[in-house]
Amino acid sequence: MQIAFPVESDQGMRSPVFNHFGSAPLFVIIDSNTYAVTTIRNVDRNHIHGQCQPSAVFNGITVDAVIVGGIGSGALRKLRNQGIQVLKAAPGTVGENLKLFTDGRLATFLENDICAGDGNAGCAH
């Protein structure tokens, strides 16, 4: 399983998970079977707010799950429509969240958890 984590800087498994999907500079992608780490740039980072294109974000890499601190409704809907599971990250690193994921301790992102982008829900980007 390929799991994507938005991050601000590339520190591999020690990278803190970024608080918003669409504006993350980078993604750390972990293969949960081999623990291979791949880091890619978010090629859709400068999109117009609300116009995130998750299929472009991963540069053609297929992912099965995204673990993130915050996400907008459009990106959440588009990821789900692609069959990608979206889970809420706990504060901490990619490695810490990967452990929580494998232990089944991360919650699925729900519509009422989304980032409204106005500082009142989720994040204040």
PDB file of N, CA and C in Angstrom:
ATOM      1  N   MET A   1       0.844  -1.176   0.000  1.00  0.00           N
ATOM      2  CA  MET A   1       0.000   0.000   0.000  1.00  0.00           C
ATOM      3  C   MET A   1       0.888   1.237   0.000  1.00  0.00           C
ATOM      4  N   GLN A   2       0.550   2.191  -0.871  1.00  0.00           N
ATOM      5  CA  GLN A   2       1.281   3.452  -0.958  1.00  0.00           C
ATOM      6  C   GLN A   2       0.516   4.512  -0.164  1.00  0.00           C
ATOM      7  N   ILE A   3       1.185   5.117   0.817  1.00  0.00           N
ATOM      8  CA  ILE A   3       0.548   6.103   1.690  1.00  0.00           C
ATOM      9  C   ILE A   3       1.275   7.433   1.534  1.00  0.00           C
ATOM     10  N   ALA A   4       0.509   8.490   1.219  1.00  0.00           N
ATOM     11  CA  ALA A   4       1.080   9.819   1.014  1.00  0.00           C
ATOM     12  C   ALA A   4       0.852  10.703   2.233  1.00  0.00           C
ATOM     13  N   PHE A   5       1.906  11.416   2.604  1.00  0.00           N
ATOM     14  CA  PHE A   5       1.875  12.361   3.722  1.00  0.00           C
ATOM     15  C   PHE A   5       2.337  13.714   3.202  1.00  0.00           C
ATOM     16  N   PRO A   6       1.513  14.770   3.294  1.00  0.00           N
ATOM     17  CA  PRO A   6       2.004  16.094   2.923  1.00  0.00           C
ATOM     18  C   PRO A   6       2.990  16.588   3.978  1.00  0.00           C
ATOM     19  N   VAL A   7       4.093  17.166   3.523  1.00  0.00           N
ATOM     20  CA  VAL A   7       5.126  17.659   4.435  1.00  0.00           C
ATOM     21  C   VAL A   7       5.662  18.995   3.919  1.00  0.00           C
ATOM     22  N   GLU A   8       6.296  19.741   4.818  1.00  0.00           N
ATOM     23  CA  GLU A   8       6.887  21.020   4.443  1.00  0.00           C
ATOM     24  C   GLU A   8       8.344  20.874   4.022  1.00  0.00           C
ATOM     25  N   SER A   9       9.047  19.928   4.649  1.00  0.00           N
ATOM     26  CA  SER A   9      10.449  19.701   4.298  1.00  0.00           C
ATOM     27  C   SER A   9      10.720  18.200   4.289  1.00  0.00           C
ATOM     28  N   ASP A  10      11.693  17.802   3.490  1.00  0.00           N
ATOM     29  CA  ASP A  10      12.002  16.383   3.328  1.00  0.00           C
ATOM     30  C   ASP A  10      12.957  15.909   4.421  1.00  0.00           C
ATOM     31  N   GLN A  11      12.372  15.264   5.413  1.00  0.00           N
ATOM     32  CA  GLN A  11      13.148  14.624   6.464  1.00  0.00           C
ATOM     33  C   GLN A  11      12.775  13.150   6.559  1.00  0.00           C
ATOM     34  N   GLY A  12      12.264  12.617   5.447  1.00  0.00           N
ATOM     35  CA  GLY A  12      11.872  11.217   5.422  1.00  0.00           C
ATOM     36  C   GLY A  12      10.826  10.921   6.482  1.00  0.00           C
ATOM     37  N   MET A  13      11.029   9.830   7.206  1.00  0.00           N
ATOM     38  CA  MET A  13      10.076   9.405   8.235  1.00  0.00           C
ATOM     39  C   MET A  13      10.004  10.394   9.400  1.00  0.00           C
ATOM     40  N   ARG A  14      11.001  11.265   9.532  1.00  0.00           N
ATOM     41  CA  ARG A  14      11.015  12.255  10.623  1.00  0.00           C
ATOM     42  C   ARG A  14      10.338  13.566  10.230  1.00  0.00           C
ATOM     43  N   SER A  15       9.830  13.650   9.011  1.00  0.00           N
ATOM     44  CA  SER A  15       9.147  14.865   8.559  1.00  0.00           C
ATOM     45  C   SER A  15       7.855  15.077   9.336  1.00  0.00           C
ATOM     46  N   PRO A  16       7.639  16.274   9.880  1.00  0.00           N
ATOM     47  CA  PRO A  16       6.334  16.560  10.481  1.00  0.00           C
ATOM     48  C   PRO A  16       5.266  16.571   9.389  1.00  0.00           C
ATOM     49  N   VAL A  17       4.103  16.000   9.694  1.00  0.00           N
ATOM     50  CA  VAL A  17       2.998  15.998   8.732  1.00  0.00           C
ATOM     51  C   VAL A  17       2.445  17.411   8.635  1.00  0.00           C
ATOM     52  N   PHE A  18       2.290  17.888   7.405  1.00  0.00           N
ATOM     53  CA  PHE A  18       1.812  19.248   7.128  1.00  0.00           C
ATOM     54  C   PHE A  18       0.312  19.337   7.408  1.00  0.00           C
ATOM     55  N   ASN A  19      -0.159  20.529   7.728  1.00  0.00           N
ATOM     56  CA  ASN A  19      -1.547  20.708   8.137  1.00  0.00           C
ATOM     57  C   ASN A  19      -2.550  20.887   7.009  1.00  0.00           C
ATOM     58  N   HIS A  20      -2.104  20.961   5.756  1.00  0.00           N
ATOM     59  CA  HIS A  20      -3.080  21.122   4.676  1.00  0.00           C
ATOM     60  C   HIS A  20      -2.603  20.414   3.419  1.00  0.00           C
ATOM     61  N   PHE A  21      -3.485  19.654   2.826  1.00  0.00           N
ATOM     62  CA  PHE A  21      -3.157  18.850   1.656  1.00  0.00           C
ATOM     63  C   PHE A  21      -2.698  19.682   0.462  1.00  0.00           C
ATOM     64  N   GLY A  22      -3.538  20.579  -0.015  1.00  0.00           N
ATOM     65  CA  GLY A  22      -3.286  21.273  -1.276  1.00  0.00           C
ATOM     66  C   GLY A  22      -2.096  22.202  -1.283  1.00  0.00           C
ATOM     67  N   SER A  23      -1.753  22.791  -0.143  1.00  0.00           N
ATOM     68  CA  SER A  23      -0.654  23.754  -0.120  1.00  0.00           C
ATOM     69  C   SER A  23       0.658  23.171   0.408  1.00  0.00           C
ATOM     70  N   ALA A  24       0.703  21.879   0.610  1.00  0.00           N
ATOM     71  CA  ALA A  24       1.949  21.242   1.062  1.00  0.00           C
ATOM     72  C   ALA A  24       3.005  21.338  -0.040  1.00  0.00           C
ATOM     73  N   PRO A  25       4.224  21.719   0.301  1.00  0.00           N
ATOM     74  CA  PRO A  25       5.276  21.788  -0.714  1.00  0.00           C
ATOM     75  C   PRO A  25       5.693  20.421  -1.253  1.00  0.00           C
ATOM     76  N   LEU A  26       5.639  19.421  -0.390  1.00  0.00           N
ATOM     77  CA  LEU A  26       6.141  18.092  -0.741  1.00  0.00           C
ATOM     78  C   LEU A  26       5.200  17.011  -0.215  1.00  0.00           C
ATOM     79  N   PHE A  27       5.358  15.821  -0.746  1.00  0.00           N
ATOM     80  CA  PHE A  27       4.691  14.635  -0.213  1.00  0.00           C
ATOM     81  C   PHE A  27       5.723  13.548   0.001  1.00  0.00           C
ATOM     82  N   VAL A  28       5.686  12.944   1.170  1.00  0.00           N
ATOM     83  CA  VAL A  28       6.479  11.744   1.438  1.00  0.00           C
ATOM     84  C   VAL A  28       5.533  10.571   1.219  1.00  0.00           C
ATOM     85  N   ILE A  29       5.938   9.662   0.357  1.00  0.00           N
ATOM     86  CA  ILE A  29       5.122   8.486   0.062  1.00  0.00           C
ATOM     87  C   ILE A  29       5.852   7.267   0.604  1.00  0.00           C
ATOM     88  N   ILE A  30       5.150   6.520   1.425  1.00  0.00           N
ATOM     89  CA  ILE A  30       5.709   5.335   2.076  1.00  0.00           C
ATOM     90  C   ILE A  30       5.021   4.090   1.532  1.00  0.00           C
ATOM     91  N   ASP A  31       5.801   3.102   1.152  1.00  0.00           N
ATOM     92  CA  ASP A  31       5.264   1.790   0.820  1.00  0.00           C
ATOM     93  C   ASP A  31       5.142   1.028   2.135  1.00  0.00           C
ATOM     94  N   SER A  32       3.919   0.732   2.547  1.00  0.00           N
ATOM     95  CA  SER A  32       3.714   0.121   3.868  1.00  0.00           C
ATOM     96  C   SER A  32       4.221  -1.312   3.945  1.00  0.00           C
ATOM     97  N   ASN A  33       4.525  -1.928   2.805  1.00  0.00           N
ATOM     98  CA  ASN A  33       5.072  -3.292   2.811  1.00  0.00           C
ATOM     99  C   ASN A  33       6.588  -3.309   2.950  1.00  0.00           C
ATOM    100  N   THR A  34       7.252  -2.387   2.245  1.00  0.00           N
ATOM    101  CA  THR A  34       8.718  -2.386   2.228  1.00  0.00           C
ATOM    102  C   THR A  34       9.317  -1.232   3.031  1.00  0.00           C
ATOM    103  N   TYR A  35       8.485  -0.263   3.406  1.00  0.00           N
ATOM    104  CA  TYR A  35       8.909   0.970   4.081  1.00  0.00           C
ATOM    105  C   TYR A  35       9.839   1.820   3.215  1.00  0.00           C
ATOM    106  N   ALA A  36       9.794   1.613   1.901  1.00  0.00           N
ATOM    107  CA  ALA A  36      10.537   2.467   0.981  1.00  0.00           C
ATOM    108  C   ALA A  36       9.939   3.870   1.036  1.00  0.00           C
ATOM    109  N   VAL A  37      10.804   4.869   1.032  1.00  0.00           N
ATOM    110  CA  VAL A  37      10.393   6.271   1.140  1.00  0.00           C
ATOM    111  C   VAL A  37      10.691   6.977  -0.177  1.00  0.00           C
ATOM    112  N   THR A  38       9.674   7.654  -0.720  1.00  0.00           N
ATOM    113  CA  THR A  38       9.830   8.471  -1.913  1.00  0.00           C
ATOM    114  C   THR A  38       9.310   9.859  -1.580  1.00  0.00           C
ATOM    115  N   THR A  39      10.038  10.893  -1.957  1.00  0.00           N
ATOM    116  CA  THR A  39       9.580  12.263  -1.735  1.00  0.00           C
ATOM    117  C   THR A  39       9.372  12.922  -3.082  1.00  0.00           C
ATOM    118  N   ILE A  40       8.213  13.565  -3.246  1.00  0.00           N
ATOM    119  CA  ILE A  40       7.906  14.264  -4.501  1.00  0.00           C
ATOM    120  C   ILE A  40       7.442  15.677  -4.196  1.00  0.00           C
ATOM    121  N   ARG A  41       7.626  16.559  -5.172  1.00  0.00           N
ATOM    122  CA  ARG A  41       7.121  17.926  -5.065  1.00  0.00           C
ATOM    123  C   ARG A  41       5.630  17.933  -5.389  1.00  0.00           C
ATOM    124  N   ASN A  42       4.911  18.825  -4.750  1.00  0.00           N
ATOM    125  CA  ASN A  42       3.502  19.037  -5.050  1.00  0.00           C
ATOM    126  C   ASN A  42       3.441  19.925  -6.287  1.00  0.00           C
ATOM    127  N   VAL A  43       3.227  19.329  -7.437  1.00  0.00           N
ATOM    128  CA  VAL A  43       3.229  20.084  -8.690  1.00  0.00           C
ATOM    129  C   VAL A  43       1.965  20.920  -8.869  1.00  0.00           C
ATOM    130  N   ASP A  44       0.981  20.755  -7.987  1.00  0.00           N
ATOM    131  CA  ASP A  44      -0.269  21.519  -8.059  1.00  0.00           C
ATOM    132  C   ASP A  44      -0.381  22.501  -6.894  1.00  0.00           C
ATOM    133  N   ARG A  45       0.734  22.811  -6.252  1.00  0.00           N
ATOM    134  CA  ARG A  45       0.717  23.633  -5.039  1.00  0.00           C
ATOM    135  C   ARG A  45       0.153  25.030  -5.268  1.00  0.00           C
ATOM    136  N   ASN A  46       0.383  25.620  -6.405  1.00  0.00           N
ATOM    137  CA  ASN A  46      -0.030  26.995  -6.668  1.00  0.00           C
ATOM    138  C   ASN A  46      -1.396  27.097  -7.329  1.00  0.00           C
ATOM    139  N   HIS A  47      -2.245  26.109  -7.073  1.00  0.00           N
ATOM    140  CA  HIS A  47      -3.590  26.141  -7.646  1.00  0.00           C
ATOM    141  C   HIS A  47      -4.431  27.254  -7.005  1.00  0.00           C
ATOM    142  N   ILE A  48      -5.479  27.626  -7.698  1.00  0.00           N
ATOM    143  CA  ILE A  48      -6.442  28.573  -7.137  1.00  0.00           C
ATOM    144  C   ILE A  48      -7.165  27.854  -6.018  1.00  0.00           C
ATOM    145  N   HIS A  49      -7.337  28.542  -4.871  1.00  0.00           N
ATOM    146  CA  HIS A  49      -7.984  27.902  -3.723  1.00  0.00           C
ATOM    147  C   HIS A  49      -9.318  27.287  -4.153  1.00  0.00           C
ATOM    148  N   GLY A  50      -9.505  26.040  -3.786  1.00  0.00           N
ATOM    149  CA  GLY A  50     -10.716  25.305  -4.134  1.00  0.00           C
ATOM    150  C   GLY A  50     -10.618  24.568  -5.456  1.00  0.00           C
ATOM    151  N   GLN A  51      -9.507  24.725  -6.160  1.00  0.00           N
ATOM    152  CA  GLN A  51      -9.344  24.082  -7.463  1.00  0.00           C
ATOM    153  C   GLN A  51      -8.237  23.026  -7.462  1.00  0.00           C
ATOM    154  N   CYS A  52      -7.948  22.462  -6.320  1.00  0.00           N
ATOM    155  CA  CYS A  52      -6.912  21.439  -6.184  1.00  0.00           C
ATOM    156  C   CYS A  52      -7.201  20.260  -7.108  1.00  0.00           C
ATOM    157  N   GLN A  53      -6.170  19.745  -7.729  1.00  0.00           N
ATOM    158  CA  GLN A  53      -6.283  18.593  -8.617  1.00  0.00           C
ATOM    159  C   GLN A  53      -5.452  17.442  -8.060  1.00  0.00           C
ATOM    160  N   PRO A  54      -6.012  16.634  -7.156  1.00  0.00           N
ATOM    161  CA  PRO A  54      -5.243  15.552  -6.522  1.00  0.00           C
ATOM    162  C   PRO A  54      -4.582  14.598  -7.511  1.00  0.00           C
ATOM    163  N   SER A  55      -5.197  14.404  -8.673  1.00  0.00           N
ATOM    164  CA  SER A  55      -4.574  13.496  -9.637  1.00  0.00           C
ATOM    165  C   SER A  55      -3.250  14.061 -10.148  1.00  0.00           C
ATOM    166  N   ALA A  56      -3.101  15.387 -10.170  1.00  0.00           N
ATOM    167  CA  ALA A  56      -1.852  16.014 -10.605  1.00  0.00           C
ATOM    168  C   ALA A  56      -0.822  16.082  -9.483  1.00  0.00           C
ATOM    169  N   VAL A  57      -1.290  16.170  -8.248  1.00  0.00           N
ATOM    170  CA  VAL A  57      -0.407  16.350  -7.095  1.00  0.00           C
ATOM    171  C   VAL A  57       0.670  15.278  -7.009  1.00  0.00           C
ATOM    172  N   PHE A  58       0.315  14.039  -7.290  1.00  0.00           N
ATOM    173  CA  PHE A  58       1.234  12.918  -7.066  1.00  0.00           C
ATOM    174  C   PHE A  58       2.114  12.579  -8.263  1.00  0.00           C
ATOM    175  N   ASN A  59       2.109  13.430  -9.298  1.00  0.00           N
ATOM    176  CA  ASN A  59       3.025  13.240 -10.422  1.00  0.00           C
ATOM    177  C   ASN A  59       2.926  11.859 -11.047  1.00  0.00           C
ATOM    178  N   GLY A  60       1.725  11.297 -11.130  1.00  0.00           N
ATOM    179  CA  GLY A  60       1.539  10.002 -11.757  1.00  0.00           C
ATOM    180  C   GLY A  60       1.756   8.804 -10.848  1.00  0.00           C
ATOM    181  N   ILE A  61       2.137   9.035  -9.600  1.00  0.00           N
ATOM    182  CA  ILE A  61       2.313   7.936  -8.649  1.00  0.00           C
ATOM    183  C   ILE A  61       0.939   7.579  -8.080  1.00  0.00           C
ATOM    184  N   THR A  62       0.604   6.311  -8.080  1.00  0.00           N
ATOM    185  CA  THR A  62      -0.660   5.855  -7.521  1.00  0.00           C
ATOM    186  C   THR A  62      -0.512   5.683  -6.020  1.00  0.00           C
ATOM    187  N   VAL A  63      -1.413   6.321  -5.266  1.00  0.00           N
ATOM    188  CA  VAL A  63      -1.416   6.155  -3.812  1.00  0.00           C
ATOM    189  C   VAL A  63      -2.751   5.542  -3.401  1.00  0.00           C
ATOM    190  N   ASP A  64      -2.713   4.838  -2.283  1.00  0.00           N
ATOM    191  CA  ASP A  64      -3.910   4.176  -1.764  1.00  0.00           C
ATOM    192  C   ASP A  64      -4.533   4.949  -0.612  1.00  0.00           C
ATOM    193  N   ALA A  65      -3.734   5.755   0.078  1.00  0.00           N
ATOM    194  CA  ALA A  65      -4.210   6.508   1.234  1.00  0.00           C
ATOM    195  C   ALA A  65      -3.420   7.799   1.365  1.00  0.00           C
ATOM    196  N   VAL A  66      -4.078   8.802   1.956  1.00  0.00           N
ATOM    197  CA  VAL A  66      -3.455  10.080   2.300  1.00  0.00           C
ATOM    198  C   VAL A  66      -3.701  10.297   3.779  1.00  0.00           C
ATOM    199  N   ILE A  67      -2.653  10.667   4.500  1.00  0.00           N
ATOM    200  CA  ILE A  67      -2.771  11.002   5.914  1.00  0.00           C
ATOM    201  C   ILE A  67      -2.355  12.460   6.052  1.00  0.00           C
ATOM    202  N   VAL A  68      -3.302  13.302   6.505  1.00  0.00           N
ATOM    203  CA  VAL A  68      -3.103  14.748   6.455  1.00  0.00           C
ATOM    204  C   VAL A  68      -3.791  15.427   7.640  1.00  0.00           C
ATOM    205  N   GLY A  69      -3.270  16.594   8.016  1.00  0.00           N
ATOM    206  CA  GLY A  69      -3.854  17.351   9.116  1.00  0.00           C
ATOM    207  C   GLY A  69      -5.110  18.097   8.717  1.00  0.00           C
ATOM    208  N   GLY A  70      -5.203  18.571   7.480  1.00  0.00           N
ATOM    209  CA  GLY A  70      -6.363  19.318   7.012  1.00  0.00           C
ATOM    210  C   GLY A  70      -6.507  19.193   5.513  1.00  0.00           C
ATOM    211  N   ILE A  71      -7.752  19.292   5.051  1.00  0.00           N
ATOM    212  CA  ILE A  71      -8.026  19.150   3.625  1.00  0.00           C
ATOM    213  C   ILE A  71      -9.352  19.831   3.315  1.00  0.00           C
ATOM    214  N   GLY A  72      -9.450  20.406   2.127  1.00  0.00           N
ATOM    215  CA  GLY A  72     -10.690  21.042   1.690  1.00  0.00           C
ATOM    216  C   GLY A  72     -11.682  20.027   1.142  1.00  0.00           C
ATOM    217  N   SER A  73     -12.913  20.460   0.991  1.00  0.00           N
ATOM    218  CA  SER A  73     -13.967  19.546   0.551  1.00  0.00           C
ATOM    219  C   SER A  73     -13.750  19.042  -0.870  1.00  0.00           C
ATOM    220  N   GLY A  74     -13.279  19.911  -1.757  1.00  0.00           N
ATOM    221  CA  GLY A  74     -13.064  19.490  -3.145  1.00  0.00           C
ATOM    222  C   GLY A  74     -11.997  18.415  -3.256  1.00  0.00           C
ATOM    223  N   ALA A  75     -10.876  18.636  -2.585  1.00  0.00           N
ATOM    224  CA  ALA A  75      -9.793  17.645  -2.620  1.00  0.00           C
ATOM    225  C   ALA A  75     -10.235  16.341  -1.962  1.00  0.00           C
ATOM    226  N   LEU A  76     -10.942  16.440  -0.841  1.00  0.00           N
ATOM    227  CA  LEU A  76     -11.425  15.242  -0.167  1.00  0.00           C
ATOM    228  C   LEU A  76     -12.342  14.442  -1.091  1.00  0.00           C
ATOM    229  N   ARG A  77     -13.281  15.114  -1.715  1.00  0.00           N
ATOM    230  CA  ARG A  77     -14.214  14.451  -2.630  1.00  0.00           C
ATOM    231  C   ARG A  77     -13.483  13.820  -3.817  1.00  0.00           C
ATOM    232  N   LYS A  78     -12.542  14.549  -4.396  1.00  0.00           N
ATOM    233  CA  LYS A  78     -11.813  14.031  -5.565  1.00  0.00           C
ATOM    234  C   LYS A  78     -10.960  12.824  -5.198  1.00  0.00           C
ATOM    235  N   LEU A  79     -10.302  12.873  -4.050  1.00  0.00           N
ATOM    236  CA  LEU A  79      -9.499  11.725  -3.613  1.00  0.00           C
ATOM    237  C   LEU A  79     -10.388  10.507  -3.391  1.00  0.00           C
ATOM    238  N   ARG A  80     -11.501  10.714  -2.703  1.00  0.00           N
ATOM    239  CA  ARG A  80     -12.426   9.591  -2.466  1.00  0.00           C
ATOM    240  C   ARG A  80     -12.944   9.013  -3.774  1.00  0.00           C
ATOM    241  N   ASN A  81     -13.258   9.886  -4.739  1.00  0.00           N
ATOM    242  CA  ASN A  81     -13.746   9.413  -6.042  1.00  0.00           C
ATOM    243  C   ASN A  81     -12.702   8.590  -6.781  1.00  0.00           C
ATOM    244  N   GLN A  82     -11.434   8.785  -6.446  1.00  0.00           N
ATOM    245  CA  GLN A  82     -10.349   8.003  -7.038  1.00  0.00           C
ATOM    246  C   GLN A  82     -10.077   6.730  -6.236  1.00  0.00           C
ATOM    247  N   GLY A  83     -10.867   6.506  -5.177  1.00  0.00           N
ATOM    248  CA  GLY A  83     -10.692   5.319  -4.347  1.00  0.00           C
ATOM    249  C   GLY A  83      -9.571   5.441  -3.334  1.00  0.00           C
ATOM    250  N   ILE A  84      -9.156   6.672  -3.037  1.00  0.00           N
ATOM    251  CA  ILE A  84      -8.064   6.908  -2.093  1.00  0.00           C
ATOM    252  C   ILE A  84      -8.657   7.193  -0.711  1.00  0.00           C
ATOM    253  N   GLN A  85      -8.206   6.455   0.264  1.00  0.00           N
ATOM    254  CA  GLN A  85      -8.634   6.636   1.648  1.00  0.00           C
ATOM    255  C   GLN A  85      -7.960   7.886   2.209  1.00  0.00           C
ATOM    256  N   VAL A  86      -8.711   8.732   2.922  1.00  0.00           N
ATOM    257  CA  VAL A  86      -8.163   9.951   3.518  1.00  0.00           C
ATOM    258  C   VAL A  86      -8.367   9.878   5.028  1.00  0.00           C
ATOM    259  N   LEU A  87      -7.247   9.967   5.748  1.00  0.00           N
ATOM    260  CA  LEU A  87      -7.260   9.837   7.207  1.00  0.00           C
ATOM    261  C   LEU A  87      -6.699  11.083   7.866  1.00  0.00           C
ATOM    262  N   LYS A  88      -7.201  11.375   9.083  1.00  0.00           N
ATOM    263  CA  LYS A  88      -6.738  12.536   9.837  1.00  0.00           C
ATOM    264  C   LYS A  88      -5.440  12.209  10.553  1.00  0.00           C
ATOM    265  N   ALA A  89      -4.417  13.016  10.288  1.00  0.00           N
ATOM    266  CA  ALA A  89      -3.119  12.839  10.950  1.00  0.00           C
ATOM    267  C   ALA A  89      -3.196  13.303  12.394  1.00  0.00           C
ATOM    268  N   ALA A  90      -2.443  12.645  13.233  1.00  0.00           N
ATOM    269  CA  ALA A  90      -2.217  13.110  14.596  1.00  0.00           C
ATOM    270  C   ALA A  90      -1.027  14.065  14.548  1.00  0.00           C
ATOM    271  N   PRO A  91      -0.906  14.991  15.485  1.00  0.00           N
ATOM    272  CA  PRO A  91       0.288  15.835  15.507  1.00  0.00           C
ATOM    273  C   PRO A  91       1.530  14.941  15.594  1.00  0.00           C
ATOM    274  N   GLY A  92       2.523  15.245  14.785  1.00  0.00           N
ATOM    275  CA  GLY A  92       3.746  14.454  14.827  1.00  0.00           C
ATOM    276  C   GLY A  92       4.306  14.190  13.452  1.00  0.00           C
ATOM    277  N   THR A  93       5.156  13.200  13.386  1.00  0.00           N
ATOM    278  CA  THR A  93       5.919  12.911  12.175  1.00  0.00           C
ATOM    279  C   THR A  93       5.237  11.867  11.288  1.00  0.00           C
ATOM    280  N   VAL A  94       5.795  11.731  10.094  1.00  0.00           N
ATOM    281  CA  VAL A  94       5.343  10.690   9.176  1.00  0.00           C
ATOM    282  C   VAL A  94       5.465   9.324   9.844  1.00  0.00           C
ATOM    283  N   GLY A  95       6.612   9.047  10.459  1.00  0.00           N
ATOM    284  CA  GLY A  95       6.827   7.750  11.108  1.00  0.00           C
ATOM    285  C   GLY A  95       5.837   7.477  12.222  1.00  0.00           C
ATOM    286  N   GLU A  96       5.559   8.503  13.036  1.00  0.00           N
ATOM    287  CA  GLU A  96       4.593   8.334  14.127  1.00  0.00           C
ATOM    288  C   GLU A  96       3.195   8.066  13.589  1.00  0.00           C
ATOM    289  N   ASN A  97       2.822   8.784  12.523  1.00  0.00           N
ATOM    290  CA  ASN A  97       1.505   8.582  11.928  1.00  0.00           C
ATOM    291  C   ASN A  97       1.408   7.265  11.176  1.00  0.00           C
ATOM    292  N   LEU A  98       2.503   6.816  10.592  1.00  0.00           N
ATOM    293  CA  LEU A  98       2.505   5.506   9.945  1.00  0.00           C
ATOM    294  C   LEU A  98       2.234   4.411  10.978  1.00  0.00           C
ATOM    295  N   LYS A  99       2.837   4.522  12.145  1.00  0.00           N
ATOM    296  CA  LYS A  99       2.610   3.554  13.221  1.00  0.00           C
ATOM    297  C   LYS A  99       1.147   3.573  13.656  1.00  0.00           C
ATOM    298  N   LEU A 100       0.588   4.773  13.833  1.00  0.00           N
ATOM    299  CA  LEU A 100      -0.824   4.887  14.195  1.00  0.00           C
ATOM    300  C   LEU A 100      -1.716   4.266  13.122  1.00  0.00           C
ATOM    301  N   PHE A 101      -1.356   4.470  11.859  1.00  0.00           N
ATOM    302  CA  PHE A 101      -2.113   3.890  10.748  1.00  0.00           C
ATOM    303  C   PHE A 101      -2.081   2.367  10.802  1.00  0.00           C
ATOM    304  N   THR A 102      -0.888   1.814  10.951  1.00  0.00           N
ATOM    305  CA  THR A 102      -0.774   0.346  10.958  1.00  0.00           C
ATOM    306  C   THR A 102      -1.457  -0.265  12.178  1.00  0.00           C
ATOM    307  N   ASP A 103      -1.585   0.517  13.250  1.00  0.00           N
ATOM    308  CA  ASP A 103      -2.295   0.059  14.444  1.00  0.00           C
ATOM    309  C   ASP A 103      -3.805   0.313  14.356  1.00  0.00           C
ATOM    310  N   GLY A 104      -4.253   0.921  13.250  1.00  0.00           N
ATOM    311  CA  GLY A 104      -5.674   1.202  13.067  1.00  0.00           C
ATOM    312  C   GLY A 104      -6.198   2.303  13.969  1.00  0.00           C
ATOM    313  N   ARG A 105      -5.323   3.266  14.298  1.00  0.00           N
ATOM    314  CA  ARG A 105      -5.694   4.294  15.274  1.00  0.00           C
ATOM    315  C   ARG A 105      -5.892   5.688  14.672  1.00  0.00           C
ATOM    316  N   LEU A 106      -6.019   5.781  13.347  1.00  0.00           N
ATOM    317  CA  LEU A 106      -6.306   7.065  12.720  1.00  0.00           C
ATOM    318  C   LEU A 106      -7.742   7.075  12.200  1.00  0.00           C
ATOM    319  N   ALA A 107      -8.417   8.205  12.386  1.00  0.00           N
ATOM    320  CA  ALA A 107      -9.811   8.341  11.956  1.00  0.00           C
ATOM    321  C   ALA A 107      -9.886   8.739  10.488  1.00  0.00           C
ATOM    322  N   THR A 108     -10.944   8.314   9.841  1.00  0.00           N
ATOM    323  CA  THR A 108     -11.233   8.725   8.477  1.00  0.00           C
ATOM    324  C   THR A 108     -11.690  10.181   8.482  1.00  0.00           C
ATOM    325  N   PHE A 109     -11.238  10.955   7.480  1.00  0.00           N
ATOM    326  CA  PHE A 109     -11.701  12.331   7.347  1.00  0.00           C
ATOM    327  C   PHE A 109     -13.161  12.314   6.938  1.00  0.00           C
ATOM    328  N   LEU A 110     -13.976  13.070   7.651  1.00  0.00           N
ATOM    329  CA  LEU A 110     -15.392  13.203   7.341  1.00  0.00           C
ATOM    330  C   LEU A 110     -15.652  14.595   6.789  1.00  0.00           C
ATOM    331  N   GLU A 111     -16.794  14.781   6.147  1.00  0.00           N
ATOM    332  CA  GLU A 111     -17.131  16.087   5.569  1.00  0.00           C
ATOM    333  C   GLU A 111     -17.112  17.209   6.606  1.00  0.00           C
ATOM    334  N   ASN A 112     -17.519  16.924   7.844  1.00  0.00           N
ATOM    335  CA  ASN A 112     -17.543  17.982   8.854  1.00  0.00           C
ATOM    336  C   ASN A 112     -16.153  18.259   9.438  1.00  0.00           C
ATOM    337  N   ASP A 113     -15.123  17.538   8.987  1.00  0.00           N
ATOM    338  CA  ASP A 113     -13.750  17.760   9.435  1.00  0.00           C
ATOM    339  C   ASP A 113     -12.960  18.635   8.471  1.00  0.00           C
ATOM    340  N   ILE A 114     -13.555  19.009   7.351  1.00  0.00           N
ATOM    341  CA  ILE A 114     -12.802  19.682   6.296  1.00  0.00           C
ATOM    342  C   ILE A 114     -12.334  21.065   6.707  1.00  0.00           C
ATOM    343  N   CYS A 115     -11.331  21.529   5.997  1.00  0.00           N
ATOM    344  CA  CYS A 115     -10.780  22.869   6.189  1.00  0.00           C
ATOM    345  C   CYS A 115     -11.607  23.841   5.364  1.00  0.00           C
ATOM    346  N   ALA A 116     -12.137  24.857   6.017  1.00  0.00           N
ATOM    347  CA  ALA A 116     -12.917  25.862   5.320  1.00  0.00           C
ATOM    348  C   ALA A 116     -12.055  26.989   4.778  1.00  0.00           C
ATOM    349  N   GLY A 117     -10.785  27.038   5.211  1.00  0.00           N
ATOM    350  CA  GLY A 117      -9.879  28.055   4.713  1.00  0.00           C
ATOM    351  C   GLY A 117     -10.098  29.438   5.293  1.00  0.00           C
ATOM    352  N   ASP A 118     -10.969  29.544   6.292  1.00  0.00           N
ATOM    353  CA  ASP A 118     -11.252  30.867   6.840  1.00  0.00           C
ATOM    354  C   ASP A 118     -10.841  31.004   8.307  1.00  0.00           C
ATOM    355  N   GLY A 119     -10.176  29.991   8.830  1.00  0.00           N
ATOM    356  CA  GLY A 119      -9.737  30.043  10.205  1.00  0.00           C
ATOM    357  C   GLY A 119     -10.778  29.551  11.199  1.00  0.00           C
ATOM    358  N   ASN A 120     -11.986  29.264  10.748  1.00  0.00           N
ATOM    359  CA  ASN A 120     -13.046  28.826  11.640  1.00  0.00           C
ATOM    360  C   ASN A 120     -13.199  27.315  11.692  1.00  0.00           C
ATOM    361  N   ALA A 121     -12.659  26.619  10.719  1.00  0.00           N
ATOM    362  CA  ALA A 121     -12.770  25.157  10.701  1.00  0.00           C
ATOM    363  C   ALA A 121     -11.514  24.576  10.105  1.00  0.00           C
ATOM    364  N   GLY A 122     -10.854  23.705  10.807  1.00  0.00           N
ATOM    365  CA  GLY A 122      -9.692  23.014  10.265  1.00  0.00           C
ATOM    366  C   GLY A 122      -8.416  23.818  10.326  1.00  0.00           C
ATOM    367  N   CYS A 123      -8.141  24.650   9.331  1.00  0.00           N
ATOM    368  CA  CYS A 123      -6.903  25.415   9.307  1.00  0.00           C
ATOM    369  C   CYS A 123      -7.171  26.851   8.884  1.00  0.00           C
ATOM    370  N   ALA A 124      -6.188  27.679   8.986  1.00  0.00           N
ATOM    371  CA  ALA A 124      -6.350  29.092   8.668  1.00  0.00           C
ATOM    372  C   ALA A 124      -5.381  29.534   7.588  1.00  0.00           C
ATOM    373  N   HIS A 125      -5.261  28.760   6.520  1.00  0.00           N
ATOM    374  CA  HIS A 125      -4.333  29.141   5.449  1.00  0.00           C
ATOM    375  C   HIS A 125      -4.873  30.306   4.640  1.00  0.00           C
TER     376      HIS A 125
END
